[in-house]
Amino acid sequence: MTMKYSVVSLFAGCGGLDLGFKGDFNFLGKKYKKNNFNLIWANEIDPSAARTYSKYFEHPIVCEDINIILSGSKPGLFEDPLPQKVDIVLGGFPCQDFSLAGKRQGFQGKRGLLYKSMVEVVRRLEPKVFIAENVKGLLSMNNGEAIKKIENDFAELGYEISTNLYLAANYGVPQSRERVIIVGTNKKLGLPKFEHPKPILDKTNWVTLGQAIGDLENKKSGEVSNHFWSRAKLFKGSQGNTTVSPDKIGPTMRAEHHGNIEYHWSGRRLSAREAARIQSFPDNFIFLPSTSAAYRQIGNAVPPVMAWHVATAVQKYLDRYSV
C-alpha cells in the first residue's frame, strides 16, 4: 500500500509549489503524474492569490496574516485552524527583501523576518520534512550570513538541512529563473539528509520560448484564458523593456514589473498566459481577478514543473526512509 503524506502550505501564493506537490497536470503535452501528497491546509495573505488558489485546489486556504493565525489574536475567526500534525510543511516565504532586483533589506525588512513564522510552524508541527523556497539573492545577503542564520534556526529544531540552488531551465521550465530550495529532514525520527534531484536538461536541450509560447503568438486578446497583455509603453533602459527570443529560454518572470513585462518578439508585451507558460503553469490554471494581479501572482510563484521534480524526489525519499 502506497502511503499518502499530509501537507501544510505556508505563503502559498497562487499555488505553484503546491501544484508541483499535487501533480496530476499537463504542461506542453507532457503529463506530470499525481503524487502521493494530501494537501490539507494552506495560508496566503493576498486575497487575489487566495482567490486564484481556491479556484484550482479543493482543500481550504486561509487568507490571513500567518502571524495573526499563530498568535491566536482573533479567536473563533478560522474554521480551519492550523492542523495539529502533518508530514510535510511547505513554504515559499516572502523573498522581496532578499532579492537581487530589490532593495535587499534582508532581515532589516519586515518581510525578511517572515521565515521565522515558518520556523514556528515547523516547531509546533514537527513534520518529517519541510521545504522552503527563496530567491538566489538569499545566498549572498550579508556575505552569506543570512542563509546561515535561516539554516541554523531550522537546524536547532532538530532538522538535517540540505540547501541547493536550482536553475529552472534544467528541470523543463523555459526560464532562466534561479531559486534556492532548503529541505529539512527530522533527525528525531532518524531521517538522513535529503539529496536534491539532479538536473534533467542542460543548455543544449532547454525548452525554448518558441516551443513554450509559439502557438499563442497570433491568438487574439482573450482568445485563451488570461491571454491579455500590458499596454505599458516602452521606456528605454528600464527593467523589462527587452524583447524575448523564440530560440532562447525566457527571463525570470518578475512580480513587481508595474506593467513593464518583457516584449514578445511580435512587438507587444508578453501576455499573462504567456508568462504563466514561461513559469510552467498548465493552461487550465486560471488567474484572478485581473491581468495585473495575474502578472504579480505568476511572478511570485514557484514554477510547478520544477516543484514537481522536487516533490517526486521528496516522495521517493519518504517512501524509502519514513517511519
C-alpha atoms as a PDB file:
ATOM      1  CA  MET A   1       0.000   0.000   0.000  1.00  0.00           C
ATOM      2  CA  THR A   2       1.375   3.406  -1.019  1.00  0.00           C
ATOM      3  CA  MET A   3       1.446   5.980   1.760  1.00  0.00           C
ATOM      4  CA  LYS A   4      -0.126   9.387   1.387  1.00  0.00           C
ATOM      5  CA  TYR A   5       1.724  12.225   3.081  1.00  0.00           C
ATOM      6  CA  SER A   6      -0.170  15.162   4.560  1.00  0.00           C
ATOM      7  CA  VAL A   7       0.979  18.656   3.615  1.00  0.00           C
ATOM      8  CA  VAL A   8       0.552  22.147   5.059  1.00  0.00           C
ATOM      9  CA  SER A   9       1.462  25.062   2.781  1.00  0.00           C
ATOM     10  CA  LEU A  10       2.529  28.484   4.073  1.00  0.00           C
ATOM     11  CA  PHE A  11       2.849  31.642   1.944  1.00  0.00           C
ATOM     12  CA  ALA A  12       1.106  29.575  -0.726  1.00  0.00           C
ATOM     13  CA  GLY A  13       0.549  32.396  -3.211  1.00  0.00           C
ATOM     14  CA  CYS A  14      -1.486  31.196  -6.163  1.00  0.00           C
ATOM     15  CA  GLY A  15      -0.182  27.650  -5.632  1.00  0.00           C
ATOM     16  CA  GLY A  16       2.845  26.938  -7.854  1.00  0.00           C
ATOM     17  CA  LEU A  17       4.729  24.936  -5.232  1.00  0.00           C
ATOM     18  CA  ASP A  18       1.547  23.185  -4.135  1.00  0.00           C
ATOM     19  CA  LEU A  19       0.672  22.230  -7.702  1.00  0.00           C
ATOM     20  CA  GLY A  20       4.094  20.642  -8.098  1.00  0.00           C
ATOM     21  CA  PHE A  21       3.476  18.552  -4.981  1.00  0.00           C
ATOM     22  CA  LYS A  22      -0.058  17.660  -6.013  1.00  0.00           C
ATOM     23  CA  GLY A  23       0.976  16.727  -9.548  1.00  0.00           C
ATOM     24  CA  ASP A  24      -1.678  15.500 -11.987  1.00  0.00           C
ATOM     25  CA  PHE A  25      -1.311  18.303 -14.540  1.00  0.00           C
ATOM     26  CA  ASN A  26      -0.225  18.758 -18.139  1.00  0.00           C
ATOM     27  CA  PHE A  27       2.394  21.127 -19.486  1.00  0.00           C
ATOM     28  CA  LEU A  28       3.453  21.369 -23.141  1.00  0.00           C
ATOM     29  CA  GLY A  29       1.987  17.994 -23.958  1.00  0.00           C
ATOM     30  CA  LYS A  30       3.602  16.153 -21.060  1.00  0.00           C
ATOM     31  CA  LYS A  31       1.687  14.637 -18.162  1.00  0.00           C
ATOM     32  CA  TYR A  32       3.129  15.239 -14.689  1.00  0.00           C
ATOM     33  CA  LYS A  33       1.712  12.361 -12.693  1.00  0.00           C
ATOM     34  CA  LYS A  34      -0.183  12.700  -9.474  1.00  0.00           C
ATOM     35  CA  ASN A  35       1.975  12.487  -6.356  1.00  0.00           C
ATOM     36  CA  ASN A  36       1.069  10.850  -3.057  1.00  0.00           C
ATOM     37  CA  PHE A  37       0.689  14.093  -1.154  1.00  0.00           C
ATOM     38  CA  ASN A  38      -2.524  15.185   0.520  1.00  0.00           C
ATOM     39  CA  LEU A  39      -2.644  18.988   0.755  1.00  0.00           C
ATOM     40  CA  ILE A  40      -4.828  19.564   3.806  1.00  0.00           C
ATOM     41  CA  TRP A  41      -4.359  23.256   4.653  1.00  0.00           C
ATOM     42  CA  ALA A  42      -2.854  26.370   3.121  1.00  0.00           C
ATOM     43  CA  ASN A  43      -2.314  30.010   4.040  1.00  0.00           C
ATOM     44  CA  GLU A  44      -1.878  33.161   1.956  1.00  0.00           C
ATOM     45  CA  ILE A  45      -2.262  36.816   2.903  1.00  0.00           C
ATOM     46  CA  ASP A  46      -3.074  38.217  -0.551  1.00  0.00           C
ATOM     47  CA  PRO A  47      -6.802  37.964  -1.376  1.00  0.00           C
ATOM     48  CA  SER A  48      -6.297  37.827  -5.151  1.00  0.00           C
ATOM     49  CA  ALA A  49      -3.778  34.983  -4.906  1.00  0.00           C
ATOM     50  CA  ALA A  50      -6.018  33.143  -2.441  1.00  0.00           C
ATOM     51  CA  ARG A  51      -8.935  33.531  -4.854  1.00  0.00           C
ATOM     52  CA  THR A  52      -6.881  32.014  -7.681  1.00  0.00           C
ATOM     53  CA  TYR A  53      -5.724  29.215  -5.374  1.00  0.00           C
ATOM     54  CA  SER A  54      -9.293  28.407  -4.303  1.00  0.00           C
ATOM     55  CA  LYS A  55     -10.444  28.140  -7.898  1.00  0.00           C
ATOM     56  CA  TYR A  56      -7.923  25.390  -8.688  1.00  0.00           C
ATOM     57  CA  PHE A  57      -7.465  23.460  -5.434  1.00  0.00           C
ATOM     58  CA  GLU A  58     -10.096  21.656  -3.380  1.00  0.00           C
ATOM     59  CA  HIS A  59      -8.590  21.956   0.096  1.00  0.00           C
ATOM     60  CA  PRO A  60      -9.077  25.061   2.265  1.00  0.00           C
ATOM     61  CA  ILE A  61      -6.855  28.131   2.175  1.00  0.00           C
ATOM     62  CA  VAL A  62      -6.952  30.667   4.992  1.00  0.00           C
ATOM     63  CA  CYS A  63      -6.468  34.216   3.735  1.00  0.00           C
ATOM     64  CA  GLU A  64      -4.831  35.935   6.695  1.00  0.00           C
ATOM     65  CA  ASP A  65      -1.500  37.076   8.119  1.00  0.00           C
ATOM     66  CA  ILE A  66       0.302  33.953   9.355  1.00  0.00           C
ATOM     67  CA  ASN A  67       1.434  35.808  12.473  1.00  0.00           C
ATOM     68  CA  ILE A  68      -2.188  36.511  13.423  1.00  0.00           C
ATOM     69  CA  ILE A  69      -3.007  32.848  12.926  1.00  0.00           C
ATOM     70  CA  LEU A  70      -0.079  31.745  15.073  1.00  0.00           C
ATOM     71  CA  SER A  71      -0.802  34.273  17.815  1.00  0.00           C
ATOM     72  CA  GLY A  72      -4.466  33.303  18.051  1.00  0.00           C
ATOM     73  CA  SER A  73      -5.266  37.001  18.399  1.00  0.00           C
ATOM     74  CA  LYS A  74      -8.584  36.546  16.590  1.00  0.00           C
ATOM     75  CA  PRO A  75     -10.138  33.549  18.361  1.00  0.00           C
ATOM     76  CA  GLY A  76     -13.002  31.924  16.522  1.00  0.00           C
ATOM     77  CA  LEU A  77     -12.040  33.565  13.218  1.00  0.00           C
ATOM     78  CA  PHE A  78     -10.881  30.430  11.465  1.00  0.00           C
ATOM     79  CA  GLU A  79     -12.991  27.420  10.516  1.00  0.00           C
ATOM     80  CA  ASP A  80      -9.811  25.592   9.525  1.00  0.00           C
ATOM     81  CA  PRO A  81      -7.109  26.312  12.139  1.00  0.00           C
ATOM     82  CA  LEU A  82      -3.550  25.151  11.736  1.00  0.00           C
ATOM     83  CA  PRO A  83      -3.548  21.326  11.857  1.00  0.00           C
ATOM     84  CA  GLN A  84      -2.042  19.662  14.905  1.00  0.00           C
ATOM     85  CA  LYS A  85       0.121  17.200  12.997  1.00  0.00           C
ATOM     86  CA  VAL A  86       1.406  16.936   9.458  1.00  0.00           C
ATOM     87  CA  ASP A  87       4.068  15.072   7.463  1.00  0.00           C
ATOM     88  CA  ILE A  88       5.335  17.986   5.366  1.00  0.00           C
ATOM     89  CA  VAL A  89       5.427  21.773   5.691  1.00  0.00           C
ATOM     90  CA  LEU A  90       5.926  23.814   2.512  1.00  0.00           C
ATOM     91  CA  GLY A  91       6.760  27.496   2.464  1.00  0.00           C
ATOM     92  CA  GLY A  92       7.920  29.969  -0.141  1.00  0.00           C
ATOM     93  CA  PHE A  93       8.413  32.661   2.478  1.00  0.00           C
ATOM     94  CA  PRO A  94       8.368  36.212   1.037  1.00  0.00           C
ATOM     95  CA  CYS A  95      11.548  36.942  -0.833  1.00  0.00           C
ATOM     96  CA  GLN A  96      11.484  40.618  -1.786  1.00  0.00           C
ATOM     97  CA  ASP A  97      13.866  41.659   0.989  1.00  0.00           C
ATOM     98  CA  PHE A  98      16.432  39.131  -0.250  1.00  0.00           C
ATOM     99  CA  SER A  99      16.002  39.714  -3.984  1.00  0.00           C
ATOM    100  CA  LEU A 100      18.904  40.874  -6.146  1.00  0.00           C
ATOM    101  CA  ALA A 101      16.370  43.003  -8.032  1.00  0.00           C
ATOM    102  CA  GLY A 102      15.033  44.690  -4.893  1.00  0.00           C
ATOM    103  CA  LYS A 103      16.392  46.904  -2.140  1.00  0.00           C
ATOM    104  CA  ARG A 104      17.860  43.856  -0.369  1.00  0.00           C
ATOM    105  CA  GLN A 105      16.917  44.923   3.146  1.00  0.00           C
ATOM    106  CA  GLY A 106      17.271  41.332   4.303  1.00  0.00           C
ATOM    107  CA  PHE A 107      16.485  40.888   7.984  1.00  0.00           C
ATOM    108  CA  GLN A 108      16.047  44.649   8.308  1.00  0.00           C
ATOM    109  CA  GLY A 109      12.932  44.443   6.155  1.00  0.00           C
ATOM    110  CA  LYS A 110       9.571  43.371   7.566  1.00  0.00           C
ATOM    111  CA  ARG A 111       9.179  40.565   5.045  1.00  0.00           C
ATOM    112  CA  GLY A 112      12.713  39.327   5.648  1.00  0.00           C
ATOM    113  CA  LEU A 113      11.701  38.061   9.081  1.00  0.00           C
ATOM    114  CA  LEU A 114       8.661  36.110   7.926  1.00  0.00           C
ATOM    115  CA  TYR A 115      10.779  32.966   7.659  1.00  0.00           C
ATOM    116  CA  LYS A 116      10.510  32.918  11.464  1.00  0.00           C
ATOM    117  CA  SER A 117       6.806  32.178  11.090  1.00  0.00           C
ATOM    118  CA  MET A 118       7.713  29.089   9.130  1.00  0.00           C
ATOM    119  CA  VAL A 119      10.257  28.137  11.796  1.00  0.00           C
ATOM    120  CA  GLU A 120       7.477  28.431  14.385  1.00  0.00           C
ATOM    121  CA  VAL A 121       5.101  26.243  12.366  1.00  0.00           C
ATOM    122  CA  VAL A 122       7.828  23.609  11.960  1.00  0.00           C
ATOM    123  CA  ARG A 123       8.483  23.807  15.711  1.00  0.00           C
ATOM    124  CA  ARG A 124       4.802  23.242  16.513  1.00  0.00           C
ATOM    125  CA  LEU A 125       4.008  20.535  13.969  1.00  0.00           C
ATOM    126  CA  GLU A 126       7.347  18.670  13.910  1.00  0.00           C
ATOM    127  CA  PRO A 127       6.885  17.422  10.327  1.00  0.00           C
ATOM    128  CA  LYS A 128       9.009  14.678   8.851  1.00  0.00           C
ATOM    129  CA  VAL A 129      10.215  17.090   6.175  1.00  0.00           C
ATOM    130  CA  PHE A 130       9.948  20.798   5.432  1.00  0.00           C
ATOM    131  CA  ILE A 131      10.663  22.503   2.111  1.00  0.00           C
ATOM    132  CA  ALA A 132      11.394  26.237   1.930  1.00  0.00           C
ATOM    133  CA  GLU A 133      11.908  28.265  -1.252  1.00  0.00           C
ATOM    134  CA  ASN A 134      13.537  31.638  -1.818  1.00  0.00           C
ATOM    135  CA  VAL A 135      15.494  33.764  -4.278  1.00  0.00           C
ATOM    136  CA  LYS A 136      19.130  33.310  -5.258  1.00  0.00           C
ATOM    137  CA  GLY A 137      19.982  36.592  -3.517  1.00  0.00           C
ATOM    138  CA  LEU A 138      19.443  34.918  -0.163  1.00  0.00           C
ATOM    139  CA  LEU A 139      22.763  33.101  -0.617  1.00  0.00           C
ATOM    140  CA  SER A 140      24.797  36.315  -0.871  1.00  0.00           C
ATOM    141  CA  MET A 141      22.861  38.521   1.547  1.00  0.00           C
ATOM    142  CA  ASN A 142      25.072  39.783   4.383  1.00  0.00           C
ATOM    143  CA  ASN A 143      28.055  37.942   2.892  1.00  0.00           C
ATOM    144  CA  GLY A 144      26.314  34.617   3.313  1.00  0.00           C
ATOM    145  CA  GLU A 145      25.275  35.197   6.927  1.00  0.00           C
ATOM    146  CA  ALA A 146      21.532  35.364   6.104  1.00  0.00           C
ATOM    147  CA  ILE A 147      21.309  31.822   4.758  1.00  0.00           C
ATOM    148  CA  LYS A 148      23.436  30.541   7.654  1.00  0.00           C
ATOM    149  CA  LYS A 149      21.058  32.181  10.149  1.00  0.00           C
ATOM    150  CA  ILE A 150      17.995  30.656   8.494  1.00  0.00           C
ATOM    151  CA  GLU A 151      19.583  27.215   8.241  1.00  0.00           C
ATOM    152  CA  ASN A 152      20.696  27.358  11.872  1.00  0.00           C
ATOM    153  CA  ASP A 153      17.248  28.387  13.128  1.00  0.00           C
ATOM    154  CA  PHE A 154      15.732  25.326  11.445  1.00  0.00           C
ATOM    155  CA  ALA A 155      18.616  23.069  12.469  1.00  0.00           C
ATOM    156  CA  GLU A 156      18.114  23.998  16.119  1.00  0.00           C
ATOM    157  CA  LEU A 157      14.673  22.378  15.915  1.00  0.00           C
ATOM    158  CA  GLY A 158      16.352  19.056  15.169  1.00  0.00           C
ATOM    159  CA  TYR A 159      16.497  19.055  11.381  1.00  0.00           C
ATOM    160  CA  GLU A 160      19.209  17.987   8.966  1.00  0.00           C
ATOM    161  CA  ILE A 161      19.461  20.795   6.412  1.00  0.00           C
ATOM    162  CA  SER A 162      20.156  20.428   2.694  1.00  0.00           C
ATOM    163  CA  THR A 163      20.255  23.599   0.564  1.00  0.00           C
ATOM    164  CA  ASN A 164      20.503  23.719  -3.215  1.00  0.00           C
ATOM    165  CA  LEU A 165      20.360  26.377  -5.940  1.00  0.00           C
ATOM    166  CA  TYR A 166      18.082  25.337  -8.808  1.00  0.00           C
ATOM    167  CA  LEU A 167      18.078  26.688 -12.358  1.00  0.00           C
ATOM    168  CA  ALA A 168      14.503  26.182 -13.519  1.00  0.00           C
ATOM    169  CA  ALA A 169      15.531  25.619 -17.154  1.00  0.00           C
ATOM    170  CA  ASN A 170      17.411  22.475 -16.098  1.00  0.00           C
ATOM    171  CA  TYR A 171      14.105  20.932 -14.987  1.00  0.00           C
ATOM    172  CA  GLY A 172      11.975  21.621 -18.059  1.00  0.00           C
ATOM    173  CA  VAL A 173      10.869  25.191 -17.297  1.00  0.00           C
ATOM    174  CA  PRO A 174      11.521  27.609 -20.214  1.00  0.00           C
ATOM    175  CA  GLN A 175      13.042  30.267 -17.975  1.00  0.00           C
ATOM    176  CA  SER A 176      16.368  31.425 -16.548  1.00  0.00           C
ATOM    177  CA  ARG A 177      14.911  31.571 -13.030  1.00  0.00           C
ATOM    178  CA  GLU A 178      17.263  30.573 -10.179  1.00  0.00           C
ATOM    179  CA  ARG A 179      15.835  29.688  -6.807  1.00  0.00           C
ATOM    180  CA  VAL A 180      17.107  28.320  -3.502  1.00  0.00           C
ATOM    181  CA  ILE A 181      15.382  25.247  -2.094  1.00  0.00           C
ATOM    182  CA  ILE A 182      16.030  24.361   1.552  1.00  0.00           C
ATOM    183  CA  VAL A 183      14.952  20.892   2.667  1.00  0.00           C
ATOM    184  CA  GLY A 184      14.985  19.877   6.308  1.00  0.00           C
ATOM    185  CA  THR A 185      14.599  16.268   7.484  1.00  0.00           C
ATOM    186  CA  ASN A 186      13.626  15.345  11.030  1.00  0.00           C
ATOM    187  CA  LYS A 187      16.626  13.881  12.846  1.00  0.00           C
ATOM    188  CA  LYS A 188      14.446  12.912  15.813  1.00  0.00           C
ATOM    189  CA  LEU A 189      12.812  10.364  13.506  1.00  0.00           C
ATOM    190  CA  GLY A 190      16.189   9.116  12.324  1.00  0.00           C
ATOM    191  CA  LEU A 191      15.800  10.613   8.865  1.00  0.00           C
ATOM    192  CA  PRO A 192      19.059  11.158   6.929  1.00  0.00           C
ATOM    193  CA  LYS A 193      19.995  14.204   4.868  1.00  0.00           C
ATOM    194  CA  PHE A 194      17.949  14.823   1.731  1.00  0.00           C
ATOM    195  CA  GLU A 195      19.616  14.608  -1.679  1.00  0.00           C
ATOM    196  CA  HIS A 196      18.271  17.117  -4.198  1.00  0.00           C
ATOM    197  CA  PRO A 197      17.230  15.830  -7.638  1.00  0.00           C
ATOM    198  CA  LYS A 198      19.804  16.177 -10.383  1.00  0.00           C
ATOM    199  CA  PRO A 199      19.066  18.324 -13.460  1.00  0.00           C
ATOM    200  CA  ILE A 200      17.321  16.526 -16.299  1.00  0.00           C
ATOM    201  CA  LEU A 201      18.290  19.031 -19.040  1.00  0.00           C
ATOM    202  CA  ASP A 202      21.160  21.358 -19.903  1.00  0.00           C
ATOM    203  CA  LYS A 203      21.588  24.348 -22.202  1.00  0.00           C
ATOM    204  CA  THR A 204      21.788  22.071 -25.239  1.00  0.00           C
ATOM    205  CA  ASN A 205      18.172  20.925 -24.840  1.00  0.00           C
ATOM    206  CA  TRP A 206      16.377  23.540 -22.755  1.00  0.00           C
ATOM    207  CA  VAL A 207      12.747  24.239 -23.655  1.00  0.00           C
ATOM    208  CA  THR A 208      12.718  27.423 -25.756  1.00  0.00           C
ATOM    209  CA  LEU A 209      10.094  30.137 -25.786  1.00  0.00           C
ATOM    210  CA  GLY A 210       9.181  29.153 -29.340  1.00  0.00           C
ATOM    211  CA  GLN A 211       8.293  25.710 -28.032  1.00  0.00           C
ATOM    212  CA  ALA A 212       6.549  27.064 -24.951  1.00  0.00           C
ATOM    213  CA  ILE A 213       4.502  30.007 -26.225  1.00  0.00           C
ATOM    214  CA  GLY A 214       4.840  29.981 -30.017  1.00  0.00           C
ATOM    215  CA  ASP A 215       1.266  28.773 -30.502  1.00  0.00           C
ATOM    216  CA  LEU A 216      -0.049  31.859 -28.688  1.00  0.00           C
ATOM    217  CA  GLU A 217       1.671  34.401 -30.935  1.00  0.00           C
ATOM    218  CA  ASN A 218      -1.283  35.007 -33.239  1.00  0.00           C
ATOM    219  CA  LYS A 219      -4.054  34.397 -30.724  1.00  0.00           C
ATOM    220  CA  LYS A 220      -6.288  37.394 -30.221  1.00  0.00           C
ATOM    221  CA  SER A 221      -6.512  39.112 -26.844  1.00  0.00           C
ATOM    222  CA  GLY A 222      -8.778  36.999 -24.638  1.00  0.00           C
ATOM    223  CA  GLU A 223      -8.954  34.090 -27.087  1.00  0.00           C
ATOM    224  CA  VAL A 224      -7.209  31.937 -24.471  1.00  0.00           C
ATOM    225  CA  SER A 225      -7.700  32.286 -20.714  1.00  0.00           C
ATOM    226  CA  ASN A 226      -5.561  35.107 -19.239  1.00  0.00           C
ATOM    227  CA  HIS A 227      -4.242  35.955 -22.705  1.00  0.00           C
ATOM    228  CA  PHE A 228      -4.277  39.701 -22.088  1.00  0.00           C
ATOM    229  CA  TRP A 229      -1.211  41.900 -22.054  1.00  0.00           C
ATOM    230  CA  SER A 230       0.015  45.172 -20.615  1.00  0.00           C
ATOM    231  CA  ARG A 231      -0.265  48.258 -22.801  1.00  0.00           C
ATOM    232  CA  ALA A 232       2.623  49.979 -20.997  1.00  0.00           C
ATOM    233  CA  LYS A 233       4.770  51.988 -23.387  1.00  0.00           C
ATOM    234  CA  LEU A 234       8.453  51.376 -23.936  1.00  0.00           C
ATOM    235  CA  PHE A 235      10.762  53.238 -21.547  1.00  0.00           C
ATOM    236  CA  LYS A 236      14.300  52.657 -22.700  1.00  0.00           C
ATOM    237  CA  GLY A 237      16.704  51.495 -20.051  1.00  0.00           C
ATOM    238  CA  SER A 238      14.076  50.458 -17.528  1.00  0.00           C
ATOM    239  CA  GLN A 239      13.628  46.926 -16.284  1.00  0.00           C
ATOM    240  CA  GLY A 240      11.577  44.661 -18.508  1.00  0.00           C
ATOM    241  CA  ASN A 241      11.968  46.669 -21.683  1.00  0.00           C
ATOM    242  CA  THR A 242      13.754  43.953 -23.591  1.00  0.00           C
ATOM    243  CA  THR A 243      12.410  41.608 -26.253  1.00  0.00           C
ATOM    244  CA  VAL A 244      12.371  37.865 -25.720  1.00  0.00           C
ATOM    245  CA  SER A 245      13.576  35.488 -28.420  1.00  0.00           C
ATOM    246  CA  PRO A 246      11.765  32.368 -29.666  1.00  0.00           C
ATOM    247  CA  ASP A 247      15.017  30.372 -29.838  1.00  0.00           C
ATOM    248  CA  LYS A 248      16.018  31.021 -26.203  1.00  0.00           C
ATOM    249  CA  ILE A 249      14.602  30.444 -22.750  1.00  0.00           C
ATOM    250  CA  GLY A 250      12.736  33.294 -21.129  1.00  0.00           C
ATOM    251  CA  PRO A 251      13.982  35.720 -18.488  1.00  0.00           C
ATOM    252  CA  THR A 252      12.882  35.419 -14.867  1.00  0.00           C
ATOM    253  CA  MET A 253       9.225  36.349 -14.599  1.00  0.00           C
ATOM    254  CA  ARG A 254       9.024  39.162 -12.044  1.00  0.00           C
ATOM    255  CA  ALA A 255       6.190  40.012  -9.679  1.00  0.00           C
ATOM    256  CA  GLU A 256       6.744  43.764  -9.480  1.00  0.00           C
ATOM    257  CA  HIS A 257       7.164  44.939 -13.050  1.00  0.00           C
ATOM    258  CA  HIS A 258       4.306  47.509 -12.933  1.00  0.00           C
ATOM    259  CA  GLY A 259       3.312  46.667 -16.492  1.00  0.00           C
ATOM    260  CA  ASN A 260       6.883  46.624 -17.800  1.00  0.00           C
ATOM    261  CA  ILE A 261       6.891  42.924 -18.539  1.00  0.00           C
ATOM    262  CA  GLU A 262       9.194  41.902 -21.382  1.00  0.00           C
ATOM    263  CA  TYR A 263       8.228  42.320 -25.023  1.00  0.00           C
ATOM    264  CA  HIS A 264       7.111  39.432 -27.178  1.00  0.00           C
ATOM    265  CA  TRP A 265       9.101  39.118 -30.424  1.00  0.00           C
ATOM    266  CA  SER A 266       5.940  40.160 -32.290  1.00  0.00           C
ATOM    267  CA  GLY A 267       6.124  43.647 -30.794  1.00  0.00           C
ATOM    268  CA  ARG A 268       3.668  43.611 -27.895  1.00  0.00           C
ATOM    269  CA  ARG A 269       4.159  42.841 -24.218  1.00  0.00           C
ATOM    270  CA  LEU A 270       4.026  39.225 -23.059  1.00  0.00           C
ATOM    271  CA  SER A 271       0.524  38.240 -22.023  1.00  0.00           C
ATOM    272  CA  ALA A 272      -0.292  36.871 -18.590  1.00  0.00           C
ATOM    273  CA  ARG A 273      -0.932  33.446 -20.154  1.00  0.00           C
ATOM    274  CA  GLU A 274       2.451  33.549 -21.863  1.00  0.00           C
ATOM    275  CA  ALA A 275       4.074  34.481 -18.550  1.00  0.00           C
ATOM    276  CA  ALA A 276       2.224  31.558 -16.946  1.00  0.00           C
ATOM    277  CA  ARG A 277       3.536  29.212 -19.650  1.00  0.00           C
ATOM    278  CA  ILE A 278       7.070  30.527 -19.047  1.00  0.00           C
ATOM    279  CA  GLN A 279       6.518  29.640 -15.376  1.00  0.00           C
ATOM    280  CA  SER A 280       5.234  26.158 -16.453  1.00  0.00           C
ATOM    281  CA  PHE A 281       1.623  26.557 -15.311  1.00  0.00           C
ATOM    282  CA  PRO A 282      -0.927  24.434 -17.192  1.00  0.00           C
ATOM    283  CA  ASP A 283      -3.440  26.302 -19.339  1.00  0.00           C
ATOM    284  CA  ASN A 284      -6.373  25.272 -17.120  1.00  0.00           C
ATOM    285  CA  PHE A 285      -4.860  27.176 -14.203  1.00  0.00           C
ATOM    286  CA  ILE A 286      -6.840  30.439 -14.224  1.00  0.00           C
ATOM    287  CA  PHE A 287      -5.527  33.594 -12.559  1.00  0.00           C
ATOM    288  CA  LEU A 288      -7.974  36.002 -10.921  1.00  0.00           C
ATOM    289  CA  PRO A 289      -9.193  38.729 -10.876  1.00  0.00           C
ATOM    290  CA  SER A 290      -7.206  40.872 -13.362  1.00  0.00           C
ATOM    291  CA  THR A 291      -4.215  40.875 -15.686  1.00  0.00           C
ATOM    292  CA  SER A 292      -2.105  42.969 -13.307  1.00  0.00           C
ATOM    293  CA  ALA A 293      -2.948  40.612 -10.437  1.00  0.00           C
ATOM    294  CA  ALA A 294      -2.149  37.644 -12.673  1.00  0.00           C
ATOM    295  CA  TYR A 295       1.282  39.027 -13.570  1.00  0.00           C
ATOM    296  CA  ARG A 296       2.058  39.520  -9.875  1.00  0.00           C
ATOM    297  CA  GLN A 297       0.873  36.059  -8.833  1.00  0.00           C
ATOM    298  CA  ILE A 298       2.754  34.381 -11.676  1.00  0.00           C
ATOM    299  CA  GLY A 299       5.962  36.248 -10.887  1.00  0.00           C
ATOM    300  CA  ASN A 300       5.759  35.323  -7.207  1.00  0.00           C
ATOM    301  CA  ALA A 301       5.136  31.638  -7.872  1.00  0.00           C
ATOM    302  CA  VAL A 302       7.404  28.618  -7.790  1.00  0.00           C
ATOM    303  CA  PRO A 303       7.404  27.007 -11.262  1.00  0.00           C
ATOM    304  CA  PRO A 304       5.112  23.957 -10.890  1.00  0.00           C
ATOM    305  CA  VAL A 305       7.236  21.716 -13.131  1.00  0.00           C
ATOM    306  CA  MET A 306      10.391  22.435 -11.129  1.00  0.00           C
ATOM    307  CA  ALA A 307       8.403  21.932  -7.912  1.00  0.00           C
ATOM    308  CA  TRP A 308       7.138  18.597  -9.270  1.00  0.00           C
ATOM    309  CA  HIS A 309      10.710  17.328  -9.615  1.00  0.00           C
ATOM    310  CA  VAL A 310      11.437  18.374  -6.027  1.00  0.00           C
ATOM    311  CA  ALA A 311       8.195  16.742  -4.887  1.00  0.00           C
ATOM    312  CA  THR A 312       8.875  13.414  -6.605  1.00  0.00           C
ATOM    313  CA  ALA A 313      12.336  13.326  -5.013  1.00  0.00           C
ATOM    314  CA  VAL A 314      10.785  14.036  -1.592  1.00  0.00           C
ATOM    315  CA  GLN A 315       8.203  11.303  -2.170  1.00  0.00           C
ATOM    316  CA  LYS A 316      10.865   8.745  -3.066  1.00  0.00           C
ATOM    317  CA  TYR A 317      12.846   9.814  -0.012  1.00  0.00           C
ATOM    318  CA  LEU A 318       9.866   9.381   2.331  1.00  0.00           C
ATOM    319  CA  ASP A 319       8.865   6.074   0.755  1.00  0.00           C
ATOM    320  CA  ARG A 320      12.370   4.825   1.457  1.00  0.00           C
ATOM    321  CA  TYR A 321      13.041   6.248   4.900  1.00  0.00           C
ATOM    322  CA  SER A 322       9.771   7.284   6.501  1.00  0.00           C
ATOM    323  CA  VAL A 323       8.688   5.695   9.784  1.00  0.00           C
END
